[in-house]
């Protein structure tokens, strides 16, 4: 969907457990595509990707950040944490 959407998304909430491709693989693929678009001058910066998942162990959070996500929100969600992430990363888009 990222490749088909113009203009690009402002922010992506990424689930880690999806049926065809997990969130880690999806994030890596999105980052590869974005890097190509940045080199070609078709994209200015990366889309913030925030993990939204019940996987809350330190290893899970570390892997999210290592694969290119900018933040991790665990379930059950703390609404103030969600709003904080939205405020922080959507301001990058202004």
N, C-alpha and C. Protein backbone atom coordinates (compact mmCIF):
# COMPACT_ATOMS: atom_id res chain seq x y z
N UNK A 1 0.82 -1.20 0.00
CA UNK A 1 0.00 0.00 0.00
C UNK A 1 0.86 1.26 0.00
N UNK A 2 2.01 1.21 0.67
CA UNK A 2 2.89 2.38 0.72
C UNK A 2 3.34 2.75 -0.69
N UNK A 3 3.64 1.76 -1.51
CA UNK A 3 4.10 2.03 -2.86
C UNK A 3 2.99 2.59 -3.76
N UNK A 4 1.75 2.31 -3.43
CA UNK A 4 0.61 2.74 -4.25
C UNK A 4 0.01 4.06 -3.80
N UNK A 5 0.46 4.63 -2.69
CA UNK A 5 -0.19 5.79 -2.10
C UNK A 5 0.60 7.06 -2.37
N UNK A 6 -0.02 8.01 -3.04
CA UNK A 6 0.59 9.31 -3.30
C UNK A 6 -0.43 10.37 -2.93
N UNK A 7 -0.10 11.34 -2.11
CA UNK A 7 1.16 11.49 -1.39
C UNK A 7 1.31 10.39 -0.35
N UNK A 8 2.53 10.22 0.18
CA UNK A 8 2.75 9.13 1.13
C UNK A 8 1.98 9.33 2.43
N UNK A 9 1.82 8.24 3.17
CA UNK A 9 1.17 8.31 4.47
C UNK A 9 1.94 9.26 5.39
N UNK A 10 1.25 9.87 6.33
CA UNK A 10 1.89 10.71 7.33
C UNK A 10 2.51 9.88 8.44
N UNK A 11 1.91 8.71 8.71
CA UNK A 11 2.35 7.86 9.82
C UNK A 11 1.74 6.48 9.62
N UNK A 12 2.46 5.45 10.06
CA UNK A 12 1.95 4.08 9.95
C UNK A 12 1.98 3.44 11.34
N UNK A 13 0.84 2.88 11.77
CA UNK A 13 0.81 2.01 12.94
C UNK A 13 1.00 0.59 12.41
N UNK A 14 2.03 -0.10 12.89
CA UNK A 14 2.37 -1.42 12.36
C UNK A 14 2.05 -2.51 13.38
N UNK A 15 1.24 -3.45 12.96
CA UNK A 15 1.00 -4.66 13.75
C UNK A 15 2.15 -5.62 13.46
N UNK A 16 2.63 -6.31 14.47
CA UNK A 16 3.74 -7.24 14.25
C UNK A 16 3.28 -8.59 13.75
N UNK A 17 2.05 -8.98 14.05
CA UNK A 17 1.56 -10.31 13.67
C UNK A 17 0.46 -10.17 12.64
N UNK A 18 0.86 -10.36 11.39
CA UNK A 18 -0.09 -10.30 10.28
C UNK A 18 -0.01 -11.61 9.51
N UNK A 19 -1.04 -11.96 8.76
CA UNK A 19 -1.10 -13.29 8.14
C UNK A 19 -0.04 -13.57 7.06
N UNK A 20 0.23 -12.67 6.17
CA UNK A 20 1.12 -12.97 5.05
C UNK A 20 2.56 -12.53 5.29
N UNK A 21 2.72 -11.44 6.02
CA UNK A 21 4.05 -10.87 6.27
C UNK A 21 4.01 -10.22 7.64
N UNK A 22 5.00 -10.51 8.49
CA UNK A 22 4.96 -9.90 9.81
C UNK A 22 5.37 -8.42 9.73
N UNK A 23 5.16 -7.71 10.80
CA UNK A 23 5.43 -6.28 10.82
C UNK A 23 6.90 -5.93 10.65
N UNK A 24 7.78 -6.83 11.09
CA UNK A 24 9.21 -6.59 10.93
C UNK A 24 9.58 -6.61 9.44
N UNK A 25 9.14 -7.65 8.75
CA UNK A 25 9.43 -7.77 7.32
C UNK A 25 8.78 -6.62 6.54
N UNK A 26 7.56 -6.27 6.90
CA UNK A 26 6.88 -5.16 6.22
C UNK A 26 7.65 -3.86 6.41
N UNK A 27 8.14 -3.62 7.62
CA UNK A 27 8.90 -2.39 7.89
C UNK A 27 10.19 -2.36 7.08
N UNK A 28 10.91 -3.48 7.05
CA UNK A 28 12.15 -3.54 6.26
C UNK A 28 11.86 -3.26 4.79
N UNK A 29 10.79 -3.84 4.26
CA UNK A 29 10.42 -3.60 2.86
C UNK A 29 10.05 -2.13 2.61
N UNK A 30 9.31 -1.55 3.54
CA UNK A 30 8.94 -0.13 3.40
C UNK A 30 10.19 0.73 3.41
N UNK A 31 11.12 0.47 4.32
CA UNK A 31 12.34 1.28 4.41
C UNK A 31 13.20 1.14 3.16
N UNK A 32 13.29 -0.06 2.59
CA UNK A 32 14.04 -0.25 1.34
C UNK A 32 13.41 0.58 0.22
N UNK A 33 12.09 0.51 0.11
CA UNK A 33 11.38 1.28 -0.92
C UNK A 33 11.58 2.78 -0.71
N UNK A 34 11.45 3.24 0.53
CA UNK A 34 11.64 4.66 0.82
C UNK A 34 13.05 5.11 0.47
N UNK A 35 14.04 4.30 0.80
CA UNK A 35 15.42 4.67 0.48
C UNK A 35 15.61 4.86 -1.02
N UNK A 36 15.02 3.98 -1.83
CA UNK A 36 15.07 4.12 -3.28
C UNK A 36 14.41 5.43 -3.72
N UNK A 37 13.25 5.74 -3.14
CA UNK A 37 12.52 6.95 -3.52
C UNK A 37 13.28 8.21 -3.08
N UNK A 38 13.95 8.15 -1.95
CA UNK A 38 14.74 9.29 -1.48
C UNK A 38 15.92 9.52 -2.43
N UNK A 39 16.60 8.46 -2.82
CA UNK A 39 17.73 8.57 -3.76
C UNK A 39 17.27 9.18 -5.08
N UNK A 40 16.09 8.81 -5.54
CA UNK A 40 15.54 9.32 -6.79
C UNK A 40 14.93 10.72 -6.64
N UNK A 41 14.89 11.24 -5.42
CA UNK A 41 14.33 12.56 -5.19
C UNK A 41 12.81 12.59 -5.19
N UNK A 42 12.17 11.44 -5.09
CA UNK A 42 10.72 11.37 -5.10
C UNK A 42 10.10 11.38 -3.71
N UNK A 43 10.94 11.28 -2.69
CA UNK A 43 10.48 11.29 -1.30
C UNK A 43 11.51 12.04 -0.49
N UNK A 44 11.04 12.88 0.44
CA UNK A 44 11.96 13.70 1.22
C UNK A 44 12.46 13.02 2.49
N UNK A 45 11.59 12.24 3.13
CA UNK A 45 12.00 11.61 4.38
C UNK A 45 11.15 10.36 4.64
N UNK A 46 11.61 9.59 5.60
CA UNK A 46 10.93 8.34 5.95
C UNK A 46 9.61 8.62 6.67
N UNK A 47 8.65 7.74 6.45
CA UNK A 47 7.37 7.79 7.14
C UNK A 47 7.58 7.20 8.54
N UNK A 48 7.14 7.88 9.59
CA UNK A 48 7.25 7.29 10.93
C UNK A 48 6.40 6.01 11.01
N UNK A 49 7.03 4.93 11.45
CA UNK A 49 6.33 3.66 11.64
C UNK A 49 6.37 3.36 13.14
N UNK A 50 5.19 3.18 13.74
CA UNK A 50 5.07 2.92 15.17
C UNK A 50 4.48 1.52 15.36
N UNK A 51 5.19 0.68 16.08
CA UNK A 51 4.67 -0.65 16.39
C UNK A 51 3.50 -0.50 17.36
N UNK A 52 2.43 -1.19 17.08
CA UNK A 52 1.25 -1.21 17.95
C UNK A 52 0.94 -2.69 18.17
N UNK A 53 1.37 -3.23 19.31
CA UNK A 53 1.38 -4.68 19.47
C UNK A 53 1.30 -5.12 20.93
N UNK A 54 0.91 -6.36 21.12
CA UNK A 54 0.92 -6.95 22.45
C UNK A 54 2.30 -7.51 22.80
N UNK A 55 3.21 -7.53 21.84
CA UNK A 55 4.58 -8.01 22.09
C UNK A 55 5.34 -6.90 22.81
N UNK A 56 5.53 -7.05 24.12
CA UNK A 56 6.09 -5.96 24.92
C UNK A 56 7.37 -6.32 25.66
N UNK A 57 7.97 -7.44 25.32
CA UNK A 57 9.25 -7.77 25.93
C UNK A 57 10.34 -6.84 25.39
N UNK A 58 11.39 -6.63 26.18
CA UNK A 58 12.48 -5.75 25.76
C UNK A 58 13.04 -6.14 24.40
N UNK A 59 13.15 -7.45 24.16
CA UNK A 59 13.67 -7.93 22.88
C UNK A 59 12.77 -7.51 21.72
N UNK A 60 11.45 -7.54 21.95
CA UNK A 60 10.50 -7.14 20.91
C UNK A 60 10.64 -5.66 20.59
N UNK A 61 10.74 -4.85 21.63
CA UNK A 61 10.88 -3.41 21.44
C UNK A 61 12.18 -3.10 20.72
N UNK A 62 13.26 -3.75 21.13
CA UNK A 62 14.57 -3.54 20.49
C UNK A 62 14.51 -3.92 19.01
N UNK A 63 13.89 -5.05 18.70
CA UNK A 63 13.79 -5.49 17.30
C UNK A 63 12.96 -4.51 16.48
N UNK A 64 11.91 -3.96 17.07
CA UNK A 64 11.10 -2.96 16.36
C UNK A 64 11.96 -1.77 15.94
N UNK A 65 12.74 -1.28 16.88
CA UNK A 65 13.58 -0.11 16.61
C UNK A 65 14.70 -0.46 15.62
N UNK A 66 15.26 -1.65 15.74
CA UNK A 66 16.34 -2.07 14.83
C UNK A 66 15.87 -2.25 13.40
N UNK A 67 14.60 -2.60 13.20
CA UNK A 67 14.11 -2.80 11.84
C UNK A 67 13.63 -1.51 11.19
N UNK A 68 13.61 -0.41 11.96
CA UNK A 68 13.27 0.87 11.34
C UNK A 68 12.03 1.54 11.88
N UNK A 69 11.40 0.94 12.87
CA UNK A 69 10.26 1.62 13.50
C UNK A 69 10.80 2.70 14.43
N UNK A 70 10.03 3.76 14.61
CA UNK A 70 10.50 4.88 15.43
C UNK A 70 10.03 4.80 16.88
N UNK A 71 9.02 3.96 17.14
CA UNK A 71 8.47 3.87 18.49
C UNK A 71 7.70 2.56 18.62
N UNK A 72 7.35 2.24 19.86
CA UNK A 72 6.62 1.01 20.18
C UNK A 72 5.53 1.36 21.19
N UNK A 73 4.31 0.96 20.91
CA UNK A 73 3.20 1.13 21.84
C UNK A 73 2.65 -0.26 22.12
N UNK A 74 2.63 -0.62 23.40
CA UNK A 74 2.14 -1.93 23.78
C UNK A 74 0.65 -1.94 24.03
N UNK A 75 0.07 -3.13 23.90
CA UNK A 75 -1.34 -3.34 24.21
C UNK A 75 -1.43 -4.00 25.56
N UNK A 76 -2.41 -3.68 26.37
CA UNK A 76 -3.44 -2.68 26.09
C UNK A 76 -2.83 -1.29 26.02
N UNK A 77 -3.38 -0.50 25.13
CA UNK A 77 -2.82 0.81 24.85
C UNK A 77 -3.13 1.81 25.96
N UNK A 78 -2.16 2.67 26.18
CA UNK A 78 -2.33 3.83 27.03
C UNK A 78 -2.63 4.98 26.07
N UNK A 79 -3.85 5.49 26.12
CA UNK A 79 -4.28 6.50 25.15
C UNK A 79 -3.36 7.72 25.15
N UNK A 80 -2.86 8.12 26.31
CA UNK A 80 -1.97 9.27 26.34
C UNK A 80 -0.65 8.98 25.62
N UNK A 81 -0.21 7.73 25.64
CA UNK A 81 0.99 7.35 24.89
C UNK A 81 0.74 7.44 23.38
N UNK A 82 -0.43 7.00 22.95
CA UNK A 82 -0.80 7.09 21.53
C UNK A 82 -0.83 8.55 21.09
N UNK A 83 -1.50 9.38 21.85
CA UNK A 83 -1.60 10.81 21.53
C UNK A 83 -0.21 11.45 21.52
N UNK A 84 0.64 11.07 22.49
CA UNK A 84 1.99 11.59 22.54
C UNK A 84 2.79 11.25 21.29
N UNK A 85 2.67 10.00 20.82
CA UNK A 85 3.35 9.59 19.59
C UNK A 85 2.81 10.34 18.39
N UNK A 86 1.50 10.47 18.32
CA UNK A 86 0.91 11.21 17.20
C UNK A 86 1.42 12.65 17.18
N UNK A 87 1.40 13.29 18.33
CA UNK A 87 1.89 14.67 18.40
C UNK A 87 3.36 14.76 18.02
N UNK A 88 4.17 13.85 18.52
CA UNK A 88 5.61 13.90 18.25
C UNK A 88 5.92 13.67 16.78
N UNK A 89 5.35 12.65 16.19
CA UNK A 89 5.74 12.28 14.83
C UNK A 89 4.96 12.99 13.74
N UNK A 90 3.77 13.44 14.01
CA UNK A 90 3.06 14.19 12.98
C UNK A 90 3.61 15.60 12.88
N UNK A 91 4.21 16.13 13.94
CA UNK A 91 4.85 17.44 13.86
C UNK A 91 6.04 17.38 12.91
N UNK A 92 6.66 16.21 12.76
CA UNK A 92 7.77 16.06 11.82
C UNK A 92 7.32 16.27 10.38
N UNK A 93 6.04 16.09 10.14
CA UNK A 93 5.51 16.17 8.79
C UNK A 93 5.13 17.59 8.37
N UNK A 94 5.09 18.52 9.33
CA UNK A 94 4.63 19.88 9.01
C UNK A 94 5.67 20.64 8.21
